[in-house]
C-alpha atoms as a PDB file:
ATOM      1  CA  UNK A   1      40.131 -56.366 -10.541  1.00  0.00           C
ATOM      2  CA  UNK A   2      42.883 -56.714  -8.033  1.00  0.00           C
ATOM      3  CA  UNK A   3      45.411 -53.967  -7.440  1.00  0.00           C
ATOM      4  CA  UNK A   4      48.756 -55.571  -8.223  1.00  0.00           C
ATOM      5  CA  UNK A   5      51.105 -52.593  -7.901  1.00  0.00           C
ATOM      6  CA  UNK A   6      53.500 -52.086  -5.028  1.00  0.00           C
ATOM      7  CA  UNK A   7      52.041 -48.832  -3.992  1.00  0.00           C
ATOM      8  CA  UNK A   8      51.048 -48.583  -0.334  1.00  0.00           C
ATOM      9  CA  UNK A   9      47.414 -47.774   0.429  1.00  0.00           C
ATOM     10  CA  UNK A  10      48.131 -46.194   3.824  1.00  0.00           C
ATOM     11  CA  UNK A  11      50.506 -43.182   3.640  1.00  0.00           C
ATOM     12  CA  UNK A  12      52.734 -43.778   6.733  1.00  0.00           C
ATOM     13  CA  UNK A  13      52.920 -47.520   6.261  1.00  0.00           C
ATOM     14  CA  UNK A  14      56.340 -47.546   4.609  1.00  0.00           C
ATOM     15  CA  UNK A  15      58.179 -46.394   7.657  1.00  0.00           C
ATOM     16  CA  UNK A  16      56.290 -48.951   9.794  1.00  0.00           C
ATOM     17  CA  UNK A  17      57.257 -51.723   7.354  1.00  0.00           C
ATOM     18  CA  UNK A  18      60.898 -50.688   7.300  1.00  0.00           C
ATOM     19  CA  UNK A  19      60.960 -50.741  11.065  1.00  0.00           C
ATOM     20  CA  UNK A  20      59.315 -54.161  11.098  1.00  0.00           C
ATOM     21  CA  UNK A  21      62.020 -55.405   8.578  1.00  0.00           C
ATOM     22  CA  UNK A  22      64.858 -54.413  10.878  1.00  0.00           C
ATOM     23  CA  UNK A  23      63.113 -55.865  13.950  1.00  0.00           C
ATOM     24  CA  UNK A  24      62.490 -59.284  12.243  1.00  0.00           C
ATOM     25  CA  UNK A  25      66.013 -59.360  10.871  1.00  0.00           C
ATOM     26  CA  UNK A  26      67.452 -58.755  14.382  1.00  0.00           C
ATOM     27  CA  UNK A  27      65.168 -61.484  15.770  1.00  0.00           C
ATOM     28  CA  UNK A  28      66.484 -63.919  13.137  1.00  0.00           C
ATOM     29  CA  UNK A  29      70.093 -62.827  13.738  1.00  0.00           C
ATOM     30  CA  UNK A  30      70.477 -61.458  10.229  1.00  0.00           C
ATOM     31  CA  UNK A  31      72.479 -58.319   9.774  1.00  0.00           C
ATOM     32  CA  UNK A  32      71.025 -55.890   7.227  1.00  0.00           C
ATOM     33  CA  UNK A  33      73.454 -53.695   5.432  1.00  0.00           C
ATOM     34  CA  UNK A  34      73.381 -50.026   6.641  1.00  0.00           C
ATOM     35  CA  UNK A  35      73.833 -48.704   3.107  1.00  0.00           C
ATOM     36  CA  UNK A  36      70.528 -50.246   1.908  1.00  0.00           C
ATOM     37  CA  UNK A  37      72.258 -52.418  -0.691  1.00  0.00           C
ATOM     38  CA  UNK A  38      70.898 -55.965  -0.401  1.00  0.00           C
ATOM     39  CA  UNK A  39      72.796 -57.440  -3.256  1.00  0.00           C
ATOM     40  CA  UNK A  40      75.029 -59.415  -0.969  1.00  0.00           C
ATOM     41  CA  UNK A  41      72.192 -60.940   0.975  1.00  0.00           C
ATOM     42  CA  UNK A  42      71.196 -64.502   0.200  1.00  0.00           C
ATOM     43  CA  UNK A  43      67.797 -65.291  -1.156  1.00  0.00           C
ATOM     44  CA  UNK A  44      67.220 -67.549   1.830  1.00  0.00           C
ATOM     45  CA  UNK A  45      67.969 -64.614   4.269  1.00  0.00           C
ATOM     46  CA  UNK A  46      65.632 -62.170   2.468  1.00  0.00           C
ATOM     47  CA  UNK A  47      62.913 -64.812   2.089  1.00  0.00           C
ATOM     48  CA  UNK A  48      63.086 -65.511   5.773  1.00  0.00           C
ATOM     49  CA  UNK A  49      62.706 -61.871   6.635  1.00  0.00           C
ATOM     50  CA  UNK A  50      59.704 -61.494   4.209  1.00  0.00           C
ATOM     51  CA  UNK A  51      58.062 -64.624   5.511  1.00  0.00           C
ATOM     52  CA  UNK A  52      58.259 -63.587   9.113  1.00  0.00           C
ATOM     53  CA  UNK A  53      56.911 -60.080   8.147  1.00  0.00           C
ATOM     54  CA  UNK A  54      53.996 -61.662   6.466  1.00  0.00           C
ATOM     55  CA  UNK A  55      53.269 -63.885   9.454  1.00  0.00           C
ATOM     56  CA  UNK A  56      53.441 -60.940  11.793  1.00  0.00           C
ATOM     57  CA  UNK A  57      51.077 -58.872   9.560  1.00  0.00           C
ATOM     58  CA  UNK A  58      48.553 -61.723   9.400  1.00  0.00           C
ATOM     59  CA  UNK A  59      48.794 -62.035  13.204  1.00  0.00           C
ATOM     60  CA  UNK A  60      48.100 -58.287  13.668  1.00  0.00           C
ATOM     61  CA  UNK A  61      45.150 -58.475  11.285  1.00  0.00           C
ATOM     62  CA  UNK A  62      43.673 -61.453  13.075  1.00  0.00           C
ATOM     63  CA  UNK A  63      43.931 -59.675  16.353  1.00  0.00           C
ATOM     64  CA  UNK A  64      42.209 -56.675  15.047  1.00  0.00           C
ATOM     65  CA  UNK A  65      39.417 -58.688  13.498  1.00  0.00           C
ATOM     66  CA  UNK A  66      39.045 -60.678  16.755  1.00  0.00           C
ATOM     67  CA  UNK A  67      38.682 -57.368  18.608  1.00  0.00           C
ATOM     68  CA  UNK A  68      35.902 -56.296  16.196  1.00  0.00           C
ATOM     69  CA  UNK A  69      33.613 -59.297  16.462  1.00  0.00           C
END
């Protein structure tokens, strides 16, 4: 059965994902609020950030797999 919780499997991953979120937002020209409240962000902006993070994570995984085989 698939694990469908939002708990991270790797303990230090949260900090890396937060850093990636800010890097991607900067690349897209989206200013993230410093107070951490995202209620004023549009769905399109947040979706763009999430989509690019997913693409980057897939790219990293593909590179790691390519190095293994």
